[in-house]
Amino acid sequence: MTSMRRAAAAAIADLLRSAAFARAFTLTALSAAFLTPAIHSVNGIVTLSSIVAGLAAVGIAILLLRRDELSFVGFAPTSLALFVLWALASLAWTLDGAQGRTIAAWLSLAGWAVVAITIAHVRDTLQIARAMGDVLRWLLTVSLVVEILSGIILDVPFPTLGVEGLISFGGPVQGLFGSRNLLGFVAVLALITFVVEWRARAVPRHVAVYSLAIASVLVVLSGSPTALVLVVMLLFAELALAIARRTPRDRRRRVDIAVASLTAFGFVAALAMHRPIIDFFSARSGFASRAELWSETISWVRHRPINGWGLFGTWEDQPFPTNIINNTLGVPNASALNAYLDVVLQLGWVGLLLFAAFSTIALARAWLAAADRRSVVYAWLPLTLVALLVESAFESYTFSDLGWMLLVVCAVRAGRERSWRTRIDPTAPIPPPSAAPASPQDRRGSGG
């Protein structure tokens, strides 16, 4: 009996260490992250929490079994660890009676972070992009089918999924993602991924054409104004990255410094002029309610500017002070519709500085790696990070679930490409230089 148990344990360990299981885990985790709104709407928070907990437990098991392949260098960014620890520390100043919610929100944050770290270690950048492409092709296709069923064939809404059946009127549509803005955001992420797949010749031409077509159609049908802003910003980012990639190495530093300076100047200017910016949005149709929410949220930030009100995650069930904010506005908002405002409301300026440091370092590493390496695959990291960080100005996706997981995946992969800790651990495995793309079949079967 003992020998049988040992054989079974060894077989399970071999399975968890295998490349096939790593790919299955990545596909499952990405599917769960993108389907978070649908899972929450159909089955509730308990089912969603159980899925995240199960994925995190499997991820920890995979990392433990692969510990000989791991190194201190690039395992996880220091800024990520500091931000997560500060979120846990907020339990100390959370209002009485709200500690349980803080613990639950932190476990969700940490659980998705563990899942993301696992993906980043068991799959390389191309494999992650390919897995994301496979998942998004199916989800966008199913979303379009659901909208056609609801709006054209059956002509009835699907309230459980948030589908209103407006596709026959040209939208807006939501698909499986619960809101038009999230669908627009996911479709833009899909465009980034599909373009990288196409340029890397990772999928057949007909698959690439279909993928780009369906993503483009859903960006338009979503009617999301934030998606249009995102597309414009990504075009500028792609142009800047293309210039950096074509600049000779001895002059590239100047280009990188110029891009970083312009980005920093824009961020500081936006921060200093937040009141005129909010007033500008208030005067535009469709943004007035969002601007009012931002103003009301800022007024509550002033009461606890350093450490915030404590982590509570989404605004579901309206914890204090979000219940006061929503009552004042007369609208049941589910977030601050701005990840940076949500962070500063819950974790204060210290939390926002840690979040900004984590995001900035990740983007800088990803940008430098993409500019320095010849393979187009490495452009997926900085462009995805740009999409996440720009979208954070209009939605709070990067502070929970899907957006947070993708942010951590990109940050850890960027850290594995370029990390200052290689100086203190020169024996750590270094990613190999870019090679000629392998065939799609080889990529599917290769280990991470």
Protein backbone atom coordinates (compact mmCIF):
# COMPACT_ATOMS: atom_id res chain seq x y z
CA MET A 1 0.00 0.00 0.00
CA THR A 2 2.84 2.38 0.84
CA SER A 3 4.55 1.74 -2.48
CA MET A 4 1.26 2.37 -4.30
CA ARG A 5 0.84 5.70 -2.48
CA ARG A 6 4.38 6.68 -3.37
CA ALA A 7 3.82 5.77 -7.00
CA ALA A 8 0.58 7.78 -7.06
CA ALA A 9 2.28 10.77 -5.41
CA ALA A 10 5.15 10.56 -7.90
CA ALA A 11 2.70 10.40 -10.81
CA ILE A 12 0.82 13.46 -9.53
CA ALA A 13 4.09 15.33 -9.04
CA ASP A 14 5.20 14.49 -12.57
CA LEU A 15 1.85 15.68 -13.90
CA LEU A 16 2.08 19.00 -12.06
CA ARG A 17 5.61 19.53 -13.37
CA SER A 18 4.75 18.72 -16.97
CA ALA A 19 4.58 21.25 -19.79
CA ALA A 20 1.11 20.02 -20.78
CA PHE A 21 -0.24 20.73 -17.31
CA ALA A 22 1.44 24.16 -17.30
CA ARG A 23 -0.40 25.03 -20.51
CA ALA A 24 -3.70 23.67 -19.15
CA PHE A 25 -3.26 25.67 -15.94
CA THR A 26 -2.56 28.84 -17.92
CA LEU A 27 -5.60 28.40 -20.16
CA THR A 28 -7.84 27.65 -17.17
CA ALA A 29 -6.59 30.60 -15.13
CA LEU A 30 -6.93 33.05 -18.01
CA SER A 31 -10.43 31.76 -18.81
CA ALA A 32 -11.49 32.15 -15.18
CA ALA A 33 -10.06 35.67 -15.01
CA PHE A 34 -11.80 36.85 -18.18
CA LEU A 35 -15.06 35.16 -17.17
CA THR A 36 -15.06 36.66 -13.67
CA PRO A 37 -18.13 38.89 -14.33
CA ALA A 38 -20.11 35.98 -15.82
CA ILE A 39 -19.17 33.60 -13.01
CA HIS A 40 -20.07 36.20 -10.40
CA SER A 41 -23.43 36.95 -12.06
CA VAL A 42 -24.45 33.34 -12.64
CA ASN A 43 -23.01 31.51 -9.61
CA GLY A 44 -22.13 34.20 -7.08
CA ILE A 45 -19.11 35.27 -5.08
CA VAL A 46 -18.70 31.92 -3.26
CA THR A 47 -18.15 30.03 -6.51
CA LEU A 48 -15.75 32.67 -7.79
CA SER A 49 -13.78 32.66 -4.53
CA SER A 50 -13.58 28.87 -4.60
CA ILE A 51 -12.21 28.94 -8.15
CA VAL A 52 -9.55 31.50 -7.22
CA ALA A 53 -8.60 29.56 -4.09
CA GLY A 54 -8.33 26.32 -6.06
CA LEU A 55 -6.18 27.92 -8.76
CA ALA A 56 -3.92 29.49 -6.14
CA ALA A 57 -3.52 26.17 -4.32
CA VAL A 58 -2.59 24.39 -7.54
CA GLY A 59 -0.21 27.23 -8.40
CA ILE A 60 1.57 26.92 -5.05
CA ALA A 61 1.91 23.16 -5.60
CA ILE A 62 3.41 23.73 -9.06
CA LEU A 63 5.90 26.29 -7.73
CA LEU A 64 6.94 24.00 -4.88
CA LEU A 65 7.52 21.08 -7.26
CA ARG A 66 9.50 23.34 -9.62
CA ARG A 67 11.49 25.05 -6.85
CA ASP A 68 14.78 23.74 -8.25
CA GLU A 69 14.08 25.70 -11.46
CA LEU A 70 13.31 28.94 -9.61
CA SER A 71 15.64 31.61 -8.33
CA PHE A 72 15.39 34.57 -6.00
CA VAL A 73 16.15 36.73 -9.01
CA GLY A 74 12.98 37.58 -10.85
CA PHE A 75 10.70 35.40 -8.73
CA ALA A 76 8.50 38.40 -7.91
CA PRO A 77 9.17 42.16 -7.98
CA THR A 78 10.01 43.70 -4.61
CA SER A 79 7.52 46.47 -5.32
CA LEU A 80 4.77 43.87 -5.73
CA ALA A 81 5.59 42.30 -2.36
CA LEU A 82 5.60 45.72 -0.67
CA PHE A 83 2.24 46.67 -2.16
CA VAL A 84 0.61 43.38 -1.12
CA LEU A 85 2.08 43.66 2.39
CA TRP A 86 0.81 47.25 2.72
CA ALA A 87 -2.65 46.05 1.66
CA LEU A 88 -2.49 43.43 4.42
CA ALA A 89 -1.24 46.02 6.92
CA SER A 90 -4.37 48.09 6.26
CA LEU A 91 -6.16 45.56 8.45
CA ALA A 92 -4.68 47.50 11.40
CA TRP A 93 -6.62 50.69 10.62
CA THR A 94 -9.73 49.25 9.00
CA LEU A 95 -12.91 50.38 10.73
CA ASP A 96 -14.30 48.09 13.43
CA GLY A 97 -16.52 45.40 11.96
CA ALA A 98 -14.91 45.59 8.52
CA GLN A 99 -11.89 43.37 9.23
CA GLY A 100 -13.54 40.32 7.67
CA ARG A 101 -14.08 42.14 4.40
CA THR A 102 -10.47 43.37 4.42
CA ILE A 103 -9.19 39.82 4.89
CA ALA A 104 -11.44 38.54 2.09
CA ALA A 105 -10.34 41.33 -0.27
CA TRP A 106 -6.67 40.70 0.55
CA LEU A 107 -7.02 36.95 0.00
CA SER A 108 -8.51 37.66 -3.44
CA LEU A 109 -5.65 40.07 -4.22
CA ALA A 110 -3.01 37.60 -3.03
CA GLY A 111 -4.73 34.62 -4.67
CA TRP A 112 -4.74 36.19 -8.12
CA ALA A 113 -1.14 37.31 -7.56
CA VAL A 114 -0.09 33.71 -6.82
CA VAL A 115 -1.89 32.50 -9.96
CA ALA A 116 -0.18 35.19 -12.04
CA ILE A 117 3.27 34.46 -10.60
CA THR A 118 2.80 30.77 -11.40
CA ILE A 119 1.84 31.51 -15.01
CA ALA A 120 4.80 33.85 -15.43
CA HIS A 121 7.21 31.16 -14.24
CA VAL A 122 5.87 28.09 -16.03
CA ARG A 123 5.30 29.75 -19.43
CA ASP A 124 7.45 32.14 -21.44
CA THR A 125 6.18 35.36 -22.99
CA LEU A 126 5.18 33.83 -26.33
CA GLN A 127 3.40 30.93 -24.67
CA ILE A 128 1.44 33.31 -22.43
CA ALA A 129 0.47 35.48 -25.41
CA ARG A 130 -0.55 32.37 -27.37
CA ALA A 131 -2.65 31.07 -24.47
CA MET A 132 -4.31 34.46 -24.09
CA GLY A 133 -4.98 34.52 -27.82
CA ASP A 134 -6.62 31.09 -27.71
CA VAL A 135 -8.81 32.08 -24.75
CA LEU A 136 -9.87 35.43 -26.23
CA ARG A 137 -10.69 33.93 -29.63
CA TRP A 138 -13.22 31.61 -28.00
CA LEU A 139 -14.62 34.13 -25.54
CA LEU A 140 -15.09 36.87 -28.13
CA THR A 141 -16.69 34.39 -30.53
CA VAL A 142 -19.08 33.14 -27.85
CA SER A 143 -19.83 36.75 -26.84
CA LEU A 144 -20.80 37.62 -30.40
CA VAL A 145 -22.93 34.47 -30.69
CA VAL A 146 -24.71 35.29 -27.41
CA GLU A 147 -25.41 38.84 -28.61
CA ILE A 148 -26.78 37.55 -31.94
CA LEU A 149 -29.01 35.04 -30.12
CA SER A 150 -30.29 37.71 -27.76
CA GLY A 151 -30.70 40.62 -30.15
CA ILE A 152 -31.56 38.98 -33.48
CA ILE A 153 -32.60 35.33 -33.30
CA LEU A 154 -34.54 35.21 -29.99
CA ASP A 155 -35.00 38.98 -29.53
CA VAL A 156 -34.96 38.73 -25.73
CA PRO A 157 -32.40 40.07 -23.22
CA PHE A 158 -30.30 37.75 -21.06
CA PRO A 159 -30.39 39.69 -17.77
CA THR A 160 -28.29 37.14 -15.88
CA LEU A 161 -25.34 37.87 -18.16
CA GLY A 162 -26.18 41.56 -18.49
CA VAL A 163 -26.90 41.13 -22.22
CA GLU A 164 -29.51 43.65 -23.36
CA GLY A 165 -29.82 42.40 -26.94
CA LEU A 166 -29.04 45.69 -28.67
CA ILE A 167 -26.82 44.32 -31.43
CA SER A 168 -29.57 44.81 -34.04
CA PHE A 169 -29.43 48.54 -33.22
CA GLY A 170 -25.65 48.66 -33.57
CA GLY A 171 -24.96 48.24 -29.86
CA PRO A 172 -23.77 48.80 -27.29
CA VAL A 173 -23.13 45.13 -26.56
CA GLN A 174 -21.61 43.45 -23.50
CA GLY A 175 -21.10 39.82 -24.44
CA LEU A 176 -19.94 37.63 -21.57
CA PHE A 177 -18.23 40.52 -19.79
CA GLY A 178 -21.13 42.30 -18.11
CA SER A 179 -20.50 45.83 -19.39
CA ARG A 180 -19.65 47.49 -22.66
CA ASN A 181 -16.53 49.11 -21.22
CA LEU A 182 -15.11 45.78 -20.07
CA LEU A 183 -15.92 44.19 -23.44
CA GLY A 184 -14.21 47.10 -25.20
CA PHE A 185 -11.16 46.75 -22.96
CA VAL A 186 -10.95 42.98 -23.51
CA ALA A 187 -11.34 43.45 -27.26
CA VAL A 188 -8.45 45.94 -27.27
CA LEU A 189 -6.30 43.48 -25.30
CA ALA A 190 -7.27 40.89 -27.90
CA LEU A 191 -6.17 43.19 -30.72
CA ILE A 192 -2.74 43.58 -29.08
CA THR A 193 -2.41 39.81 -28.67
CA PHE A 194 -3.68 38.94 -32.15
CA VAL A 195 -1.37 41.45 -33.83
CA VAL A 196 1.62 39.99 -31.96
CA GLU A 197 0.55 36.46 -32.95
CA TRP A 198 0.18 37.53 -36.59
CA ARG A 199 3.52 39.35 -36.74
CA ALA A 200 5.29 36.47 -34.98
CA ARG A 201 3.64 33.99 -37.38
CA ALA A 202 2.43 32.01 -34.37
CA VAL A 203 -0.95 31.20 -35.96
CA PRO A 204 -2.09 30.45 -39.53
CA ARG A 205 -3.04 33.46 -41.64
CA HIS A 206 -6.78 32.65 -41.73
CA VAL A 207 -6.87 32.39 -37.92
CA ALA A 208 -5.09 35.73 -37.58
CA VAL A 209 -7.49 37.42 -40.01
CA TYR A 210 -10.55 36.02 -38.24
CA SER A 211 -9.17 36.98 -34.82
CA LEU A 212 -8.42 40.58 -35.81
CA ALA A 213 -11.80 40.91 -37.53
CA ILE A 214 -13.89 39.74 -34.58
CA ALA A 215 -11.91 41.82 -32.09
CA SER A 216 -12.29 44.94 -34.26
CA VAL A 217 -16.03 44.36 -34.70
CA LEU A 218 -16.57 44.01 -30.96
CA VAL A 219 -14.53 47.13 -30.20
CA VAL A 220 -16.94 49.05 -32.44
CA LEU A 221 -20.12 47.30 -31.24
CA SER A 222 -19.18 47.82 -27.58
CA GLY A 223 -19.52 51.57 -28.12
CA SER A 224 -17.04 52.10 -25.31
CA PRO A 225 -15.52 55.60 -25.33
CA THR A 226 -12.67 54.39 -23.12
CA ALA A 227 -11.78 51.74 -25.73
CA LEU A 228 -11.36 54.45 -28.35
CA VAL A 229 -9.07 56.44 -26.04
CA LEU A 230 -7.14 53.26 -25.35
CA VAL A 231 -6.65 52.50 -29.05
CA VAL A 232 -5.29 56.01 -29.68
CA MET A 233 -2.84 55.77 -26.76
CA LEU A 234 -1.68 52.33 -27.91
CA LEU A 235 -0.99 53.66 -31.39
CA PHE A 236 1.28 56.33 -29.88
CA ALA A 237 2.97 53.70 -27.68
CA GLU A 238 3.51 51.40 -30.67
CA LEU A 239 5.00 54.28 -32.65
CA ALA A 240 7.38 55.19 -29.82
CA LEU A 241 8.37 51.55 -29.34
CA ALA A 242 8.97 51.11 -33.08
CA ILE A 243 11.26 54.16 -33.06
CA ALA A 244 13.16 52.79 -30.06
CA ARG A 245 13.55 49.35 -31.68
CA ARG A 246 14.93 50.90 -34.88
CA THR A 247 17.31 53.27 -33.11
CA PRO A 248 20.93 52.06 -32.92
CA ARG A 249 21.86 50.74 -29.49
CA ASP A 250 24.34 53.54 -28.78
CA ARG A 251 21.63 56.19 -29.29
CA ARG A 252 18.65 54.29 -27.87
CA ARG A 253 19.13 55.60 -24.34
CA ARG A 254 18.26 59.10 -25.53
CA VAL A 255 15.01 57.87 -27.05
CA ASP A 256 14.12 55.96 -23.88
CA ILE A 257 14.85 59.01 -21.73
CA ALA A 258 12.75 61.22 -23.98
CA VAL A 259 9.79 58.82 -23.85
CA ALA A 260 10.11 58.42 -20.07
CA SER A 261 10.35 62.19 -19.58
CA LEU A 262 7.26 62.86 -21.68
CA THR A 263 5.33 60.15 -19.84
CA ALA A 264 6.39 61.46 -16.43
CA PHE A 265 5.55 65.03 -17.43
CA GLY A 266 2.10 63.96 -18.59
CA PHE A 267 1.43 62.07 -15.36
CA VAL A 268 2.58 64.93 -13.12
CA ALA A 269 0.59 67.45 -15.17
CA ALA A 270 -2.53 65.28 -14.94
CA LEU A 271 -2.05 64.94 -11.19
CA ALA A 272 -1.52 68.68 -10.67
CA MET A 273 -4.47 69.60 -12.90
CA HIS A 274 -6.88 66.92 -11.74
CA ARG A 275 -9.59 69.47 -10.91
CA PRO A 276 -9.67 71.10 -14.40
CA ILE A 277 -9.52 67.64 -15.96
CA ILE A 278 -12.53 66.52 -13.92
CA ASP A 279 -14.37 69.69 -14.91
CA PHE A 280 -13.52 69.00 -18.56
CA PHE A 281 -15.00 65.51 -18.33
CA SER A 282 -18.05 66.88 -16.51
CA ALA A 283 -18.86 69.04 -19.53
CA ARG A 284 -18.84 66.04 -21.91
CA SER A 285 -21.86 63.86 -22.46
CA GLY A 286 -21.47 60.47 -20.81
CA PHE A 287 -18.65 61.56 -18.50
CA ALA A 288 -20.56 63.89 -16.17
CA SER A 289 -21.55 61.14 -13.74
CA ARG A 290 -18.03 59.72 -13.80
CA ALA A 291 -16.54 63.13 -13.00
CA GLU A 292 -18.99 63.59 -10.12
CA LEU A 293 -17.95 60.21 -8.73
CA TRP A 294 -14.28 61.16 -8.94
CA SER A 295 -14.89 64.47 -7.14
CA GLU A 296 -16.86 62.81 -4.35
CA THR A 297 -14.22 60.09 -3.96
CA ILE A 298 -11.44 62.68 -3.72
CA SER A 299 -13.35 64.46 -0.97
CA TRP A 300 -13.26 61.27 1.12
CA VAL A 301 -9.58 60.68 0.36
CA ARG A 302 -8.82 63.94 2.17
CA HIS A 303 -10.13 62.49 5.45
CA ARG A 304 -7.47 59.75 5.45
CA PRO A 305 -4.83 60.76 2.90
CA ILE A 306 -1.85 58.75 4.17
CA ASN A 307 -3.15 55.24 4.84
CA GLY A 308 -6.69 55.29 3.43
CA TRP A 309 -9.83 53.62 4.78
CA GLY A 310 -8.49 50.07 4.58
CA LEU A 311 -8.67 47.51 1.81
CA PHE A 312 -12.19 46.44 0.83
CA GLY A 313 -11.81 45.64 -2.89
CA THR A 314 -14.92 46.24 -4.98
CA TRP A 315 -17.77 48.42 -3.78
CA GLU A 316 -20.18 45.49 -3.68
CA ASP A 317 -22.47 45.72 -0.63
CA GLN A 318 -21.25 49.33 -0.34
CA PRO A 319 -18.76 49.33 2.55
CA PHE A 320 -18.07 52.63 4.31
CA PRO A 321 -17.38 55.23 2.93
CA THR A 322 -18.60 54.01 -0.48
CA ASN A 323 -22.14 53.76 0.86
CA ILE A 324 -22.05 57.48 1.65
CA ILE A 325 -20.57 58.26 -1.77
CA ASN A 326 -23.26 56.27 -3.57
CA ASN A 327 -26.05 57.75 -1.44
CA THR A 328 -24.77 61.24 -2.17
CA LEU A 329 -24.69 60.59 -5.91
CA GLY A 330 -27.84 58.48 -5.96
CA VAL A 331 -26.09 55.87 -8.12
CA PRO A 332 -24.91 52.37 -6.98
CA ASN A 333 -21.35 52.47 -8.31
CA ALA A 334 -19.33 49.24 -8.13
CA SER A 335 -15.97 51.06 -8.04
CA ALA A 336 -14.41 54.51 -8.28
CA LEU A 337 -14.14 53.97 -12.06
CA ASN A 338 -10.46 54.79 -11.65
CA ALA A 339 -7.96 52.29 -10.27
CA TYR A 340 -5.66 54.99 -8.93
CA LEU A 341 -8.50 56.65 -7.00
CA ASP A 342 -9.62 53.28 -5.66
CA VAL A 343 -6.09 52.56 -4.43
CA VAL A 344 -5.67 55.94 -2.75
CA LEU A 345 -9.15 55.72 -1.19
CA GLN A 346 -8.45 52.30 0.31
CA LEU A 347 -4.68 52.34 0.88
CA GLY A 348 -3.83 56.06 0.94
CA TRP A 349 -1.00 57.89 -0.76
CA VAL A 350 1.48 55.31 0.52
CA GLY A 351 -0.46 52.57 -1.26
CA LEU A 352 -0.73 54.66 -4.42
CA LEU A 353 3.03 55.34 -4.44
CA LEU A 354 3.73 51.62 -4.03
CA PHE A 355 1.24 50.77 -6.78
CA ALA A 356 2.75 53.43 -9.05
CA ALA A 357 6.29 52.18 -8.34
CA PHE A 358 5.27 48.59 -9.07
CA SER A 359 3.55 49.57 -12.35
CA THR A 360 6.28 51.97 -13.49
CA ILE A 361 9.12 49.54 -12.86
CA ALA A 362 7.24 46.80 -14.69
CA LEU A 363 6.59 49.06 -17.69
CA ALA A 364 10.20 50.28 -17.77
CA ARG A 365 11.57 46.73 -17.70
CA ALA A 366 9.13 45.52 -20.34
CA TRP A 367 9.84 48.53 -22.57
CA LEU A 368 13.62 48.10 -22.37
CA ALA A 369 13.36 44.36 -23.04
CA ALA A 370 11.10 44.96 -26.08
CA ALA A 371 13.40 47.67 -27.44
CA ASP A 372 16.51 45.55 -26.95
CA ARG A 373 15.31 42.20 -28.33
CA ARG A 374 14.63 41.52 -31.98
CA SER A 375 11.60 39.27 -31.58
CA VAL A 376 8.27 41.07 -31.90
CA VAL A 377 6.89 38.84 -29.16
CA TYR A 378 8.48 41.03 -26.50
CA ALA A 379 6.30 43.98 -27.61
CA TRP A 380 3.32 42.18 -26.07
CA LEU A 381 4.48 42.97 -22.52
CA PRO A 382 4.84 46.80 -22.74
CA LEU A 383 1.76 47.24 -24.94
CA THR A 384 -0.38 45.18 -22.56
CA LEU A 385 0.96 47.17 -19.62
CA VAL A 386 0.21 50.45 -21.42
CA ALA A 387 -3.35 49.24 -22.01
CA LEU A 388 -3.76 48.29 -18.35
CA LEU A 389 -2.36 51.53 -16.98
CA VAL A 390 -4.25 53.80 -19.37
CA GLU A 391 -7.50 51.95 -18.73
CA SER A 392 -6.86 52.42 -15.01
CA ALA A 393 -7.64 56.12 -15.46
CA PHE A 394 -11.22 55.22 -16.43
CA GLU A 395 -11.90 51.89 -14.73
CA SER A 396 -10.66 49.99 -11.65
CA TYR A 397 -9.91 46.72 -13.44
CA THR A 398 -6.22 46.62 -12.47
CA PHE A 399 -7.08 46.64 -8.77
CA SER A 400 -8.90 43.29 -8.82
CA ASP A 401 -9.45 40.06 -10.71
CA LEU A 402 -8.62 40.15 -14.45
CA GLY A 403 -6.67 43.41 -14.64
CA TRP A 404 -4.69 42.72 -11.47
CA MET A 405 -3.75 39.23 -12.63
CA LEU A 406 -2.56 40.48 -16.03
CA LEU A 407 -0.61 43.31 -14.38
CA VAL A 408 1.24 40.83 -12.14
CA VAL A 409 1.87 38.42 -15.03
CA CYS A 410 3.43 41.18 -17.12
CA ALA A 411 5.42 42.56 -14.18
CA VAL A 412 6.91 39.19 -13.27
CA ARG A 413 7.75 38.35 -16.90
CA ALA A 414 9.36 41.78 -17.33
CA GLY A 415 11.34 41.19 -14.15
CA ARG A 416 12.60 37.89 -15.51
CA GLU A 417 13.80 39.69 -18.64
CA ARG A 418 15.54 42.56 -16.82
CA SER A 419 16.19 42.62 -13.07
CA TRP A 420 18.73 44.50 -10.98
CA ARG A 421 18.99 41.41 -8.76
CA THR A 422 21.07 39.60 -11.36
CA ARG A 423 23.97 41.59 -9.93
CA ILE A 424 23.60 39.87 -6.56
CA ASP A 425 22.72 36.43 -7.94
CA PRO A 426 24.82 35.91 -11.06
CA THR A 427 24.04 32.17 -11.07
CA ALA A 428 20.35 32.82 -11.73
CA PRO A 429 19.01 31.55 -15.06
CA ILE A 430 18.99 34.31 -17.68
CA PRO A 431 16.40 34.25 -20.49
CA PRO A 432 18.03 33.20 -23.74
CA PRO A 433 18.37 35.72 -26.54
CA SER A 434 15.57 35.91 -29.08
CA ALA A 435 15.62 33.05 -31.54
CA ALA A 436 13.75 32.42 -34.75
CA PRO A 437 10.09 31.65 -34.06
CA ALA A 438 9.27 27.99 -33.71
CA SER A 439 6.30 26.43 -35.38
CA PRO A 440 2.93 26.69 -33.61
CA GLN A 441 3.02 22.96 -32.87
CA ASP A 442 6.43 23.27 -31.19
CA ARG A 443 5.25 26.21 -29.08
CA ARG A 444 2.19 24.36 -27.89
CA GLY A 445 4.22 21.43 -26.64
CA SER A 446 7.24 23.21 -25.20
CA GLY A 447 7.73 23.62 -21.49
CA GLY A 448 7.82 26.92 -19.61
